[in-house]
Amino acid sequence: MQVTVEHDDASHTVDLDEGSTISDVLDALDIAPSTVLAVHDGTIVPHDSKINGDIHLELITVSSGG
């Protein structure tokens, strides 16, 4: 299956097996999970969510610090 990811004004496509998780997508793109929120159809989804077909995700970078 193909996962299309919008992140930092760029589009990336990752090919993964069905049942992979959003964490697997982040690993494939070398993105630390603690730095982004995953959004699908306007809803934030947990990184342990399983993906069972082609999907489009948006990653929103979260900032931290003080």
Protein backbone atom coordinates (compact mmCIF):
# COMPACT_ATOMS: atom_id res chain seq x y z
CA MET A 1 0.00 0.00 0.00
CA GLN A 2 1.09 3.59 -0.50
CA VAL A 3 1.12 6.22 2.21
CA THR A 4 1.42 9.81 1.02
CA VAL A 5 2.73 12.20 3.63
CA GLU A 6 2.73 16.00 3.57
CA HIS A 7 5.43 17.38 5.85
CA ASP A 8 7.47 20.60 5.85
CA ASP A 9 6.00 21.78 2.52
CA ALA A 10 7.04 18.54 0.80
CA SER A 11 5.21 15.40 -0.25
CA HIS A 12 6.64 11.94 0.40
CA THR A 13 5.33 8.52 -0.60
CA VAL A 14 6.13 5.40 1.42
CA ASP A 15 5.34 1.83 0.36
CA LEU A 16 4.46 -0.37 3.34
CA ASP A 17 2.63 -3.62 4.09
CA GLU A 18 -1.01 -3.57 5.18
CA GLY A 19 -1.30 -3.43 8.95
CA SER A 20 1.69 -1.12 9.31
CA THR A 21 1.34 1.75 11.76
CA ILE A 22 1.88 5.46 11.52
CA SER A 23 5.02 4.89 13.61
CA ASP A 24 6.28 2.65 10.78
CA VAL A 25 5.68 5.50 8.33
CA LEU A 26 7.63 7.90 10.55
CA ASP A 27 10.48 5.37 10.86
CA ALA A 28 10.62 5.00 7.07
CA LEU A 29 10.89 8.79 6.73
CA ASP A 30 13.40 9.06 9.62
CA ILE A 31 11.10 11.42 11.55
CA ALA A 32 11.10 11.30 15.35
CA PRO A 33 7.53 10.53 16.51
CA SER A 34 7.77 13.01 19.38
CA THR A 35 8.19 15.89 16.92
CA VAL A 36 4.97 15.51 14.90
CA LEU A 37 1.23 15.01 15.07
CA ALA A 38 -0.33 12.82 12.38
CA VAL A 39 -3.55 14.13 10.84
CA HIS A 40 -5.95 12.18 8.61
CA ASP A 41 -9.05 13.90 7.20
CA GLY A 42 -8.73 16.72 9.73
CA THR A 43 -8.45 14.41 12.75
CA ILE A 44 -5.32 13.79 14.81
CA VAL A 45 -4.62 10.06 14.89
CA PRO A 46 -2.40 8.10 17.30
CA HIS A 47 0.95 6.87 16.04
CA ASP A 48 -0.02 3.28 16.86
CA SER A 49 -2.98 3.42 14.43
CA LYS A 50 -2.89 0.60 11.88
CA ILE A 51 -3.12 1.43 8.19
CA ASN A 52 -4.98 -1.01 5.96
CA GLY A 53 -4.94 0.75 2.61
CA ASP A 54 -3.62 3.69 0.65
CA ILE A 55 -3.85 6.83 2.76
CA HIS A 56 -2.90 10.50 2.80
CA LEU A 57 -1.49 11.94 6.02
CA GLU A 58 -0.42 15.40 7.06
CA LEU A 59 2.31 15.75 9.66
CA ILE A 60 2.21 18.83 11.85
CA THR A 61 5.46 19.71 13.59
CA VAL A 62 5.04 20.40 17.28
CA SER A 63 7.37 22.78 19.03
CA SER A 64 8.55 22.61 22.57
CA GLY A 65 10.91 24.44 24.80
CA GLY A 66 10.83 27.28 27.17
